[in-house]
């Protein structure tokens, strides 16, 4: 445990890993997902993670020609640790009303999932798109569009958080213009009920 904490125990380090769990990101994307973290600290954490073999950099080809950060195989192996840490932390009462980044919210779905009826949804948050599916009690969640999803939902992260953790009715979000559904509304409603907020300890 001490050796692990030497690598990932610094403040913000695991949150940087969290932001990269669903795929590579540019530095500006990481800044946006970690609004309380200074750019200098982020740069240092990325250098430390690179040195430890947890994160690597890659340059995208034309027409983008941007440098991105992504997890190595060793870094990706931290996912079950982050999920269990998230489950443990979710039982602690909230002390701030800070909004979750889209990637943080997706990991929160993984930490709170309780199997229910099957669903297959595409979630769109502007340019961020995720495919979330439950079949036979198992959840799969990945960045990218869904092939043949039964419902496509367009919203922001705050709206989804209110629907899945705040028990806001789907119909109210649709009526208010914060949620746009294409496909089977009942499938999205099934999805929204599978992530109960943990009871604080």
N, C-alpha and C. Protein backbone atom coordinates (compact mmCIF):
# COMPACT_ATOMS: atom_id res chain seq x y z
N UNK A 1 0.83 -1.19 0.00
CA UNK A 1 0.00 0.00 0.00
C UNK A 1 0.87 1.25 0.00
N UNK A 2 1.95 1.23 0.78
CA UNK A 2 2.83 2.40 0.83
C UNK A 2 3.45 2.68 -0.53
N UNK A 3 3.84 1.62 -1.25
CA UNK A 3 4.43 1.82 -2.58
C UNK A 3 3.40 2.40 -3.55
N UNK A 4 2.14 1.94 -3.44
CA UNK A 4 1.09 2.47 -4.31
C UNK A 4 0.85 3.95 -4.02
N UNK A 5 0.82 4.30 -2.73
CA UNK A 5 0.56 5.69 -2.36
C UNK A 5 1.72 6.60 -2.75
N UNK A 6 2.91 6.05 -2.81
CA UNK A 6 4.04 6.84 -3.30
C UNK A 6 3.79 7.29 -4.74
N UNK A 7 3.07 6.48 -5.50
CA UNK A 7 2.83 6.79 -6.91
C UNK A 7 1.56 7.60 -7.14
N UNK A 8 0.50 7.30 -6.38
CA UNK A 8 -0.80 7.94 -6.68
C UNK A 8 -1.42 8.61 -5.46
N UNK A 9 -0.66 8.77 -4.40
CA UNK A 9 -1.22 9.30 -3.16
C UNK A 9 -1.22 10.82 -3.05
N UNK A 10 -0.54 11.50 -3.96
CA UNK A 10 -0.53 12.96 -3.91
C UNK A 10 -1.92 13.51 -4.22
N UNK A 11 -2.24 14.67 -3.63
CA UNK A 11 -3.53 15.29 -3.89
C UNK A 11 -3.74 15.52 -5.38
N UNK A 12 -4.93 15.22 -5.87
CA UNK A 12 -5.38 15.38 -7.25
C UNK A 12 -4.96 14.23 -8.17
N UNK A 13 -3.99 13.42 -7.78
CA UNK A 13 -3.45 12.44 -8.71
C UNK A 13 -4.52 11.45 -9.19
N UNK A 14 -5.28 10.88 -8.27
CA UNK A 14 -6.30 9.91 -8.66
C UNK A 14 -7.43 10.57 -9.45
N UNK A 15 -7.65 11.86 -9.21
CA UNK A 15 -8.68 12.56 -9.98
C UNK A 15 -8.22 12.76 -11.43
N UNK A 16 -6.93 12.95 -11.63
CA UNK A 16 -6.40 13.02 -13.00
C UNK A 16 -6.61 11.67 -13.69
N UNK A 17 -6.31 10.58 -12.97
CA UNK A 17 -6.52 9.24 -13.53
C UNK A 17 -8.01 9.04 -13.85
N UNK A 18 -8.89 9.48 -12.95
CA UNK A 18 -10.33 9.37 -13.18
C UNK A 18 -10.73 10.03 -14.49
N UNK A 19 -10.18 11.20 -14.76
CA UNK A 19 -10.54 11.94 -15.97
C UNK A 19 -10.07 11.25 -17.25
N UNK A 20 -9.14 10.31 -17.12
CA UNK A 20 -8.59 9.62 -18.29
C UNK A 20 -9.12 8.20 -18.45
N UNK A 21 -9.97 7.75 -17.53
CA UNK A 21 -10.44 6.36 -17.56
C UNK A 21 -11.19 6.03 -18.84
N UNK A 22 -11.92 6.99 -19.40
CA UNK A 22 -12.75 6.70 -20.56
C UNK A 22 -12.09 7.11 -21.88
N UNK A 23 -10.79 7.41 -21.82
CA UNK A 23 -10.09 7.71 -23.06
C UNK A 23 -9.18 8.92 -22.96
N UNK A 24 -8.39 9.12 -24.00
CA UNK A 24 -7.38 10.18 -24.04
C UNK A 24 -8.02 11.56 -24.04
N UNK A 25 -7.29 12.54 -23.45
CA UNK A 25 -7.76 13.91 -23.40
C UNK A 25 -6.61 14.87 -23.62
N UNK A 26 -6.96 16.03 -24.17
CA UNK A 26 -5.99 17.11 -24.27
C UNK A 26 -5.85 17.78 -22.90
N UNK A 27 -4.78 18.55 -22.74
CA UNK A 27 -4.55 19.26 -21.49
C UNK A 27 -5.73 20.16 -21.16
N UNK A 28 -6.25 20.86 -22.17
CA UNK A 28 -7.38 21.78 -21.92
C UNK A 28 -8.63 21.03 -21.47
N UNK A 29 -8.82 19.80 -21.96
CA UNK A 29 -9.95 18.98 -21.51
C UNK A 29 -9.79 18.62 -20.04
N UNK A 30 -8.57 18.30 -19.63
CA UNK A 30 -8.32 17.97 -18.23
C UNK A 30 -8.53 19.18 -17.33
N UNK A 31 -8.11 20.34 -17.79
CA UNK A 31 -8.33 21.57 -17.02
C UNK A 31 -9.82 21.79 -16.81
N UNK A 32 -10.61 21.58 -17.86
CA UNK A 32 -12.06 21.77 -17.77
C UNK A 32 -12.70 20.76 -16.82
N UNK A 33 -12.20 19.53 -16.80
CA UNK A 33 -12.77 18.50 -15.93
C UNK A 33 -12.34 18.60 -14.49
N UNK A 34 -11.28 19.38 -14.22
CA UNK A 34 -10.75 19.53 -12.85
C UNK A 34 -10.65 21.02 -12.52
N UNK A 35 -11.79 21.70 -12.41
CA UNK A 35 -11.77 23.16 -12.28
C UNK A 35 -11.10 23.70 -11.03
N UNK A 36 -10.98 22.90 -9.99
CA UNK A 36 -10.34 23.39 -8.77
C UNK A 36 -8.84 23.19 -8.73
N UNK A 37 -8.30 22.64 -9.79
CA UNK A 37 -6.87 22.32 -9.83
C UNK A 37 -6.14 23.32 -10.70
N UNK A 38 -5.03 23.86 -10.19
CA UNK A 38 -4.28 24.83 -10.98
C UNK A 38 -3.57 24.12 -12.13
N UNK A 39 -3.30 24.86 -13.20
CA UNK A 39 -2.63 24.27 -14.35
C UNK A 39 -1.21 23.84 -14.01
N UNK A 40 -0.55 24.56 -13.12
CA UNK A 40 0.81 24.18 -12.72
C UNK A 40 0.81 22.84 -12.00
N UNK A 41 -0.16 22.65 -11.09
CA UNK A 41 -0.25 21.38 -10.37
C UNK A 41 -0.61 20.26 -11.33
N UNK A 42 -1.53 20.51 -12.25
CA UNK A 42 -1.90 19.50 -13.24
C UNK A 42 -0.68 19.08 -14.06
N UNK A 43 0.11 20.04 -14.51
CA UNK A 43 1.31 19.73 -15.29
C UNK A 43 2.26 18.85 -14.50
N UNK A 44 2.43 19.17 -13.21
CA UNK A 44 3.33 18.38 -12.37
C UNK A 44 2.80 16.97 -12.17
N UNK A 45 1.49 16.84 -11.93
CA UNK A 45 0.92 15.51 -11.72
C UNK A 45 1.05 14.68 -12.99
N UNK A 46 0.85 15.28 -14.14
CA UNK A 46 1.00 14.54 -15.40
C UNK A 46 2.44 14.09 -15.60
N UNK A 47 3.41 14.94 -15.24
CA UNK A 47 4.82 14.53 -15.34
C UNK A 47 5.11 13.37 -14.41
N UNK A 48 4.59 13.45 -13.18
CA UNK A 48 4.82 12.37 -12.21
C UNK A 48 4.19 11.06 -12.68
N UNK A 49 2.97 11.14 -13.22
CA UNK A 49 2.29 9.94 -13.69
C UNK A 49 2.98 9.35 -14.91
N UNK A 50 3.51 10.21 -15.76
CA UNK A 50 4.27 9.74 -16.92
C UNK A 50 5.53 9.00 -16.45
N UNK A 51 6.23 9.60 -15.51
CA UNK A 51 7.46 8.99 -14.99
C UNK A 51 7.18 7.64 -14.34
N UNK A 52 5.99 7.50 -13.71
CA UNK A 52 5.62 6.26 -13.03
C UNK A 52 5.06 5.21 -13.99
N UNK A 53 4.92 5.58 -15.27
CA UNK A 53 4.39 4.63 -16.24
C UNK A 53 2.89 4.43 -16.16
N UNK A 54 2.18 5.43 -15.61
CA UNK A 54 0.72 5.35 -15.45
C UNK A 54 0.01 6.11 -16.56
N UNK A 55 0.64 7.17 -17.04
CA UNK A 55 0.09 8.00 -18.13
C UNK A 55 1.17 8.14 -19.20
N UNK A 56 0.75 8.23 -20.44
CA UNK A 56 1.68 8.51 -21.53
C UNK A 56 1.08 9.59 -22.41
N UNK A 57 1.91 10.23 -23.20
CA UNK A 57 1.43 11.25 -24.14
C UNK A 57 1.47 10.67 -25.55
N UNK A 58 0.57 11.18 -26.38
CA UNK A 58 0.49 10.74 -27.77
C UNK A 58 0.08 11.95 -28.60
N UNK A 59 0.63 12.06 -29.78
CA UNK A 59 0.27 13.17 -30.66
C UNK A 59 -0.71 12.67 -31.71
N UNK A 60 -1.85 13.37 -31.80
CA UNK A 60 -2.84 13.04 -32.81
C UNK A 60 -2.38 13.55 -34.17
N UNK A 61 -2.69 12.81 -35.20
CA UNK A 61 -2.30 13.20 -36.55
C UNK A 61 -3.21 14.28 -37.11
N UNK A 62 -2.89 14.75 -38.32
CA UNK A 62 -3.73 15.76 -38.97
C UNK A 62 -5.16 15.24 -39.12
N UNK A 63 -6.17 16.10 -39.10
CA UNK A 63 -6.04 17.57 -39.06
C UNK A 63 -5.95 18.14 -37.65
N UNK A 64 -6.00 17.26 -36.62
CA UNK A 64 -6.03 17.77 -35.24
C UNK A 64 -4.65 18.24 -34.79
N UNK A 65 -3.64 17.39 -34.94
CA UNK A 65 -2.25 17.71 -34.55
C UNK A 65 -2.17 18.25 -33.12
N UNK A 66 -2.79 17.52 -32.19
CA UNK A 66 -2.76 17.93 -30.78
C UNK A 66 -2.13 16.82 -29.95
N UNK A 67 -1.55 17.20 -28.82
CA UNK A 67 -0.99 16.22 -27.90
C UNK A 67 -2.06 15.83 -26.90
N UNK A 68 -2.22 14.54 -26.66
CA UNK A 68 -3.20 14.06 -25.69
C UNK A 68 -2.51 13.19 -24.65
N UNK A 69 -3.18 13.05 -23.53
CA UNK A 69 -2.71 12.20 -22.44
C UNK A 69 -3.65 11.01 -22.33
N UNK A 70 -3.08 9.84 -22.09
CA UNK A 70 -3.91 8.64 -21.96
C UNK A 70 -3.27 7.71 -20.93
N UNK A 71 -4.09 6.82 -20.39
CA UNK A 71 -3.60 5.86 -19.42
C UNK A 71 -2.85 4.74 -20.13
N UNK A 72 -1.79 4.28 -19.50
CA UNK A 72 -1.12 3.06 -19.96
C UNK A 72 -1.93 1.87 -19.44
N UNK A 73 -1.50 0.67 -19.77
CA UNK A 73 -2.17 -0.52 -19.24
C UNK A 73 -2.10 -0.53 -17.72
N UNK A 74 -0.97 -0.11 -17.19
CA UNK A 74 -0.83 -0.04 -15.73
C UNK A 74 -1.79 0.98 -15.14
N UNK A 75 -1.95 2.12 -15.82
CA UNK A 75 -2.87 3.14 -15.34
C UNK A 75 -4.31 2.68 -15.40
N UNK A 76 -4.69 2.01 -16.50
CA UNK A 76 -6.05 1.53 -16.66
C UNK A 76 -6.40 0.50 -15.59
N UNK A 77 -5.39 -0.19 -15.06
CA UNK A 77 -5.63 -1.20 -14.01
C UNK A 77 -6.10 -0.57 -12.71
N UNK A 78 -6.04 0.76 -12.61
CA UNK A 78 -6.53 1.44 -11.41
C UNK A 78 -8.05 1.59 -11.39
N UNK A 79 -8.73 1.26 -12.49
CA UNK A 79 -10.18 1.48 -12.55
C UNK A 79 -10.94 0.80 -11.41
N UNK A 80 -10.74 -0.50 -11.13
CA UNK A 80 -11.49 -1.10 -10.02
C UNK A 80 -11.17 -0.46 -8.67
N UNK A 81 -9.94 0.03 -8.51
CA UNK A 81 -9.58 0.74 -7.28
C UNK A 81 -10.40 2.02 -7.15
N UNK A 82 -10.50 2.78 -8.25
CA UNK A 82 -11.26 4.03 -8.24
C UNK A 82 -12.75 3.77 -8.01
N UNK A 83 -13.27 2.70 -8.60
CA UNK A 83 -14.69 2.38 -8.39
C UNK A 83 -14.95 2.07 -6.93
N UNK A 84 -14.11 1.25 -6.31
CA UNK A 84 -14.32 0.90 -4.90
C UNK A 84 -14.10 2.12 -4.00
N UNK A 85 -13.12 2.95 -4.33
CA UNK A 85 -12.89 4.16 -3.55
C UNK A 85 -14.08 5.10 -3.69
N UNK A 86 -14.64 5.17 -4.91
CA UNK A 86 -15.84 5.98 -5.14
C UNK A 86 -17.02 5.47 -4.33
N UNK A 87 -17.21 4.15 -4.28
CA UNK A 87 -18.30 3.58 -3.48
C UNK A 87 -18.13 3.93 -2.01
N UNK A 88 -16.91 3.81 -1.54
CA UNK A 88 -16.63 4.11 -0.13
C UNK A 88 -16.87 5.59 0.16
N UNK A 89 -16.39 6.45 -0.74
CA UNK A 89 -16.56 7.89 -0.53
C UNK A 89 -17.98 8.36 -0.69
N UNK A 90 -18.79 7.65 -1.48
CA UNK A 90 -20.17 8.08 -1.71
C UNK A 90 -21.03 7.97 -0.45
N UNK A 91 -20.54 7.25 0.54
CA UNK A 91 -21.30 7.13 1.79
C UNK A 91 -21.01 8.28 2.75
N UNK A 92 -20.12 9.19 2.35
CA UNK A 92 -19.79 10.36 3.15
C UNK A 92 -20.68 11.52 2.72
N UNK A 93 -21.31 12.24 3.66
CA UNK A 93 -22.18 13.36 3.27
C UNK A 93 -21.42 14.39 2.43
N UNK A 94 -22.10 14.96 1.44
CA UNK A 94 -21.50 15.99 0.60
C UNK A 94 -21.24 17.24 1.42
N UNK A 95 -20.07 17.84 1.19
CA UNK A 95 -19.74 19.08 1.89
C UNK A 95 -19.67 20.27 0.95
N UNK A 96 -19.82 20.01 -0.37
CA UNK A 96 -19.81 21.12 -1.32
C UNK A 96 -20.79 20.79 -2.43
N UNK A 97 -21.25 21.82 -3.10
CA UNK A 97 -22.19 21.63 -4.20
C UNK A 97 -21.52 21.68 -5.55
N UNK A 98 -20.22 21.41 -5.60
CA UNK A 98 -19.49 21.48 -6.87
C UNK A 98 -20.06 20.48 -7.86
N UNK A 99 -20.18 20.89 -9.11
CA UNK A 99 -20.70 20.01 -10.14
C UNK A 99 -19.64 18.99 -10.55
N UNK A 100 -20.11 17.83 -10.98
CA UNK A 100 -19.22 16.78 -11.46
C UNK A 100 -18.91 17.00 -12.93
N UNK A 101 -17.69 16.67 -13.32
CA UNK A 101 -17.38 16.63 -14.75
C UNK A 101 -18.15 15.45 -15.36
N UNK A 102 -18.26 15.43 -16.67
CA UNK A 102 -18.97 14.33 -17.33
C UNK A 102 -18.30 13.00 -17.00
N UNK A 103 -16.96 12.95 -17.04
CA UNK A 103 -16.26 11.70 -16.75
C UNK A 103 -16.44 11.28 -15.30
N UNK A 104 -16.44 12.25 -14.38
CA UNK A 104 -16.68 11.92 -12.97
C UNK A 104 -18.08 11.36 -12.79
N UNK A 105 -19.04 11.93 -13.50
CA UNK A 105 -20.41 11.45 -13.41
C UNK A 105 -20.54 10.03 -13.97
N UNK A 106 -19.85 9.75 -15.07
CA UNK A 106 -19.89 8.40 -15.62
C UNK A 106 -19.30 7.38 -14.65
N UNK A 107 -18.21 7.75 -13.97
CA UNK A 107 -17.64 6.85 -12.96
C UNK A 107 -18.60 6.70 -11.79
N UNK A 108 -19.30 7.78 -11.42
CA UNK A 108 -20.29 7.70 -10.34
C UNK A 108 -21.41 6.73 -10.69
N UNK A 109 -21.78 6.66 -11.97
CA UNK A 109 -22.78 5.67 -12.39
C UNK A 109 -22.26 4.26 -12.13
N UNK A 110 -20.99 4.04 -12.45
CA UNK A 110 -20.42 2.71 -12.22
C UNK A 110 -20.39 2.35 -10.74
N UNK A 111 -20.16 3.34 -9.89
CA UNK A 111 -20.03 3.03 -8.46
C UNK A 111 -21.37 2.82 -7.78
N UNK A 112 -22.47 3.28 -8.37
CA UNK A 112 -23.77 3.21 -7.70
C UNK A 112 -24.75 2.27 -8.39
N UNK A 113 -24.34 1.62 -9.46
CA UNK A 113 -25.26 0.79 -10.25
C UNK A 113 -25.84 -0.35 -9.43
N UNK A 114 -27.17 -0.49 -9.49
CA UNK A 114 -27.89 -1.61 -8.91
C UNK A 114 -28.67 -2.26 -10.05
N UNK A 115 -28.44 -3.54 -10.32
CA UNK A 115 -29.11 -4.17 -11.47
C UNK A 115 -30.63 -4.05 -11.41
N UNK A 116 -31.19 -3.81 -12.57
CA UNK A 116 -32.64 -3.74 -12.74
C UNK A 116 -32.97 -4.22 -14.13
N UNK A 117 -34.08 -3.77 -14.70
CA UNK A 117 -34.41 -4.16 -16.07
C UNK A 117 -33.33 -3.68 -17.05
N UNK A 118 -33.14 -4.43 -18.12
CA UNK A 118 -32.13 -4.10 -19.11
C UNK A 118 -32.43 -2.75 -19.77
N UNK A 119 -31.36 -2.06 -20.21
CA UNK A 119 -31.51 -0.82 -20.98
C UNK A 119 -30.32 -0.66 -21.91
N UNK A 120 -30.48 0.17 -22.91
CA UNK A 120 -29.42 0.45 -23.88
C UNK A 120 -29.59 1.90 -24.32
N UNK A 121 -28.70 2.79 -23.86
CA UNK A 121 -28.87 4.23 -24.07
C UNK A 121 -27.59 4.85 -24.63
N UNK A 122 -27.78 5.88 -25.43
CA UNK A 122 -26.68 6.75 -25.82
C UNK A 122 -26.88 8.07 -25.11
N UNK A 123 -25.87 8.52 -24.38
CA UNK A 123 -25.94 9.77 -23.63
C UNK A 123 -25.07 10.80 -24.33
N UNK A 124 -25.65 11.96 -24.64
CA UNK A 124 -24.91 13.01 -25.33
C UNK A 124 -24.84 14.25 -24.44
N UNK A 125 -23.62 14.69 -24.19
CA UNK A 125 -23.37 15.92 -23.43
C UNK A 125 -22.57 16.85 -24.34
N UNK A 126 -23.23 17.47 -25.29
CA UNK A 126 -22.49 18.26 -26.27
C UNK A 126 -21.61 17.35 -27.09
N UNK A 127 -20.30 17.62 -27.09
CA UNK A 127 -19.36 16.81 -27.86
C UNK A 127 -19.04 15.49 -27.19
N UNK A 128 -19.32 15.36 -25.89
CA UNK A 128 -19.06 14.12 -25.16
C UNK A 128 -20.23 13.16 -25.36
N UNK A 129 -19.92 11.95 -25.83
CA UNK A 129 -20.94 10.94 -26.08
C UNK A 129 -20.53 9.64 -25.40
N UNK A 130 -21.49 9.00 -24.72
CA UNK A 130 -21.25 7.74 -24.03
C UNK A 130 -22.35 6.74 -24.37
N UNK A 131 -21.98 5.47 -24.36
CA UNK A 131 -22.92 4.38 -24.55
C UNK A 131 -22.99 3.62 -23.23
N UNK A 132 -24.19 3.53 -22.68
CA UNK A 132 -24.37 2.82 -21.41
C UNK A 132 -25.44 1.75 -21.62
N UNK A 133 -25.11 0.56 -21.17
CA UNK A 133 -25.98 -0.59 -21.43
C UNK A 133 -25.98 -1.51 -20.22
N UNK A 134 -27.13 -2.08 -19.92
CA UNK A 134 -27.25 -3.10 -18.89
C UNK A 134 -27.92 -4.32 -19.50
N UNK A 135 -27.27 -5.46 -19.33
CA UNK A 135 -27.83 -6.72 -19.82
C UNK A 135 -27.49 -7.81 -18.83
N UNK A 136 -28.49 -8.56 -18.42
CA UNK A 136 -28.31 -9.66 -17.46
C UNK A 136 -27.64 -9.18 -16.18
N UNK A 137 -27.99 -7.96 -15.74
CA UNK A 137 -27.47 -7.45 -14.49
C UNK A 137 -26.07 -6.89 -14.55
N UNK A 138 -25.48 -6.79 -15.73
CA UNK A 138 -24.11 -6.28 -15.87
C UNK A 138 -24.15 -4.95 -16.62
N UNK A 139 -23.39 -3.97 -16.10
CA UNK A 139 -23.34 -2.64 -16.70
C UNK A 139 -22.11 -2.50 -17.57
N UNK A 140 -22.28 -1.97 -18.77
CA UNK A 140 -21.14 -1.59 -19.60
C UNK A 140 -21.30 -0.12 -19.95
N UNK A 141 -20.21 0.61 -19.87
CA UNK A 141 -20.24 2.05 -20.09
C UNK A 141 -18.95 2.44 -20.79
N UNK A 142 -19.06 3.07 -21.94
CA UNK A 142 -17.87 3.43 -22.71
C UNK A 142 -18.09 4.74 -23.44
N UNK A 143 -17.00 5.46 -23.69
CA UNK A 143 -17.08 6.67 -24.49
C UNK A 143 -17.32 6.29 -25.94
N UNK A 144 -18.18 7.05 -26.59
CA UNK A 144 -18.45 6.83 -28.00
C UNK A 144 -19.92 6.55 -28.24
N UNK A 145 -20.35 6.69 -29.49
CA UNK A 145 -21.77 6.49 -29.81
C UNK A 145 -22.17 5.02 -29.70
N UNK A 146 -23.47 4.80 -29.51
CA UNK A 146 -24.00 3.44 -29.43
C UNK A 146 -24.47 3.00 -30.81
N UNK A 147 -24.34 1.72 -31.08
CA UNK A 147 -24.83 1.16 -32.33
C UNK A 147 -26.21 0.58 -32.08
N UNK A 148 -27.23 1.29 -32.52
CA UNK A 148 -28.59 0.79 -32.36
C UNK A 148 -29.16 0.94 -30.97
N UNK A 149 -28.75 1.98 -30.22
CA UNK A 149 -29.31 2.22 -28.89
C UNK A 149 -30.81 2.45 -28.99
N UNK A 150 -31.54 2.02 -27.98
CA UNK A 150 -33.00 2.14 -28.00
C UNK A 150 -33.47 3.55 -27.66
N UNK A 151 -32.56 4.36 -27.09
CA UNK A 151 -32.91 5.75 -26.81
C UNK A 151 -31.63 6.59 -26.82
N UNK A 152 -31.73 7.78 -27.35
CA UNK A 152 -30.63 8.75 -27.32
C UNK A 152 -31.09 9.92 -26.45
N UNK A 153 -30.27 10.26 -25.45
CA UNK A 153 -30.61 11.33 -24.51
C UNK A 153 -29.59 12.45 -24.63
N UNK A 154 -30.07 13.68 -24.82
CA UNK A 154 -29.19 14.85 -24.91
C UNK A 154 -29.48 15.76 -23.73
N UNK A 155 -28.43 16.13 -22.99
CA UNK A 155 -28.58 16.94 -21.79
C UNK A 155 -27.21 17.41 -21.34
N UNK A 156 -27.13 18.12 -20.21
CA UNK A 156 -25.84 18.42 -19.60
C UNK A 156 -25.66 17.53 -18.38
N UNK A 157 -24.45 17.54 -17.82
CA UNK A 157 -24.13 16.65 -16.70
C UNK A 157 -25.00 16.97 -15.48
N UNK A 158 -25.28 18.25 -15.25
CA UNK A 158 -26.10 18.63 -14.09
C UNK A 158 -27.50 18.03 -14.19
N UNK A 159 -28.06 18.02 -15.39
CA UNK A 159 -29.40 17.44 -15.58
C UNK A 159 -29.39 15.95 -15.28
N UNK A 160 -28.38 15.23 -15.83
CA UNK A 160 -28.33 13.79 -15.57
C UNK A 160 -28.14 13.50 -14.08
N UNK A 161 -27.31 14.30 -13.44
CA UNK A 161 -27.10 14.10 -12.00
C UNK A 161 -28.42 14.24 -11.24
N UNK A 162 -29.22 15.22 -11.59
CA UNK A 162 -30.51 15.41 -10.94
C UNK A 162 -31.47 14.28 -11.21
N UNK A 163 -31.39 13.69 -12.40
CA UNK A 163 -32.29 12.59 -12.75
C UNK A 163 -31.93 11.30 -12.03
N UNK A 164 -30.64 10.97 -12.00
CA UNK A 164 -30.27 9.67 -11.43
C UNK A 164 -30.03 9.71 -9.92
N UNK A 165 -29.54 10.84 -9.41
CA UNK A 165 -29.25 10.91 -7.97
C UNK A 165 -30.21 11.81 -7.21
N UNK A 166 -30.92 12.68 -7.91
CA UNK A 166 -31.83 13.60 -7.25
C UNK A 166 -33.29 13.24 -7.40
N UNK A 167 -33.57 12.10 -8.03
CA UNK A 167 -34.93 11.59 -8.19
C UNK A 167 -35.83 12.56 -8.95
N UNK A 168 -35.25 13.38 -9.81
CA UNK A 168 -36.07 14.28 -10.61
C UNK A 168 -36.80 13.47 -11.68
N UNK A 169 -38.09 13.68 -11.88
CA UNK A 169 -38.82 12.93 -12.91
C UNK A 169 -38.30 13.25 -14.31
N UNK A 170 -38.20 12.22 -15.13
CA UNK A 170 -37.76 12.38 -16.51
C UNK A 170 -38.69 13.33 -17.25
N UNK A 171 -39.99 13.19 -17.03
CA UNK A 171 -40.97 14.03 -17.73
C UNK A 171 -40.77 15.50 -17.42
N UNK A 172 -40.37 15.81 -16.18
CA UNK A 172 -40.15 17.21 -15.80
C UNK A 172 -38.95 17.79 -16.53
N UNK A 173 -37.89 17.01 -16.68
CA UNK A 173 -36.71 17.49 -17.39
C UNK A 173 -37.00 17.69 -18.88
N UNK A 174 -37.81 16.79 -19.45
CA UNK A 174 -38.19 16.94 -20.85
C UNK A 174 -39.05 18.19 -21.03
N UNK A 175 -40.04 18.36 -20.15
CA UNK A 175 -40.94 19.51 -20.24
C UNK A 175 -40.19 20.82 -20.06
N UNK A 176 -39.14 20.81 -19.22
CA UNK A 176 -38.36 22.01 -18.98
C UNK A 176 -37.32 22.30 -20.06
N UNK A 177 -37.20 21.41 -21.04
CA UNK A 177 -36.25 21.62 -22.13
C UNK A 177 -34.82 21.26 -21.80
N UNK A 178 -34.58 20.66 -20.63
CA UNK A 178 -33.21 20.30 -20.24
C UNK A 178 -32.80 18.93 -20.74
N UNK A 179 -33.78 18.13 -21.16
CA UNK A 179 -33.53 16.77 -21.63
C UNK A 179 -34.29 16.55 -22.94
N UNK A 180 -33.57 16.03 -23.93
CA UNK A 180 -34.20 15.70 -25.22
C UNK A 180 -34.00 14.22 -25.46
N UNK A 181 -35.10 13.50 -25.66
CA UNK A 181 -35.04 12.06 -25.88
C UNK A 181 -35.49 11.73 -27.29
N UNK A 182 -34.74 10.83 -27.93
CA UNK A 182 -35.11 10.30 -29.23
C UNK A 182 -35.14 8.79 -29.10
N UNK A 183 -36.31 8.20 -29.26
CA UNK A 183 -36.43 6.76 -29.08
C UNK A 183 -37.40 6.44 -27.96
N UNK A 184 -37.11 5.39 -27.23
CA UNK A 184 -38.04 4.86 -26.22
C UNK A 184 -37.82 5.53 -24.86
N UNK A 185 -38.73 6.41 -24.48
CA UNK A 185 -38.63 7.10 -23.19
C UNK A 185 -38.59 6.12 -22.04
N UNK A 186 -39.36 5.03 -22.12
CA UNK A 186 -39.41 4.05 -21.03
C UNK A 186 -38.05 3.43 -20.76
N UNK A 187 -37.24 3.27 -21.81
CA UNK A 187 -35.90 2.70 -21.64
C UNK A 187 -35.02 3.65 -20.84
N UNK A 188 -35.10 4.95 -21.15
CA UNK A 188 -34.32 5.93 -20.39
C UNK A 188 -34.80 5.99 -18.94
N UNK A 189 -36.10 5.88 -18.72
CA UNK A 189 -36.62 5.89 -17.35
C UNK A 189 -36.11 4.68 -16.57
N UNK A 190 -36.01 3.52 -17.22
CA UNK A 190 -35.45 2.34 -16.54
C UNK A 190 -33.99 2.60 -16.17
N UNK A 191 -33.24 3.16 -17.12
CA UNK A 191 -31.84 3.52 -16.86
C UNK A 191 -31.73 4.45 -15.65
N UNK A 192 -32.55 5.47 -15.59
CA UNK A 192 -32.41 6.50 -14.54
C UNK A 192 -32.71 5.97 -13.14
N UNK A 193 -33.38 4.83 -13.03
CA UNK A 193 -33.73 4.29 -11.72
C UNK A 193 -32.73 3.26 -11.19
N UNK A 194 -31.65 3.02 -11.90
CA UNK A 194 -30.70 1.98 -11.52
C UNK A 194 -29.49 2.49 -10.74
N UNK A 195 -29.54 3.77 -10.30
CA UNK A 195 -28.38 4.36 -9.65
C UNK A 195 -28.81 5.09 -8.37
N UNK A 196 -29.25 4.35 -7.36
CA UNK A 196 -29.72 5.01 -6.13
C UNK A 196 -28.58 5.70 -5.39
N UNK A 197 -28.90 6.84 -4.81
CA UNK A 197 -27.89 7.55 -4.01
C UNK A 197 -27.60 6.74 -2.75
N UNK A 198 -26.32 6.44 -2.47
CA UNK A 198 -26.01 5.68 -1.25
C UNK A 198 -26.39 6.46 0.00
N UNK A 199 -26.80 5.72 1.03
CA UNK A 199 -27.14 6.35 2.29
C UNK A 199 -25.87 6.71 3.05
N UNK A 200 -25.74 7.96 3.51
CA UNK A 200 -24.53 8.34 4.27
C UNK A 200 -24.40 7.52 5.54
N UNK A 201 -23.16 7.27 5.92
CA UNK A 201 -22.86 6.55 7.17
C UNK A 201 -22.65 7.53 8.31
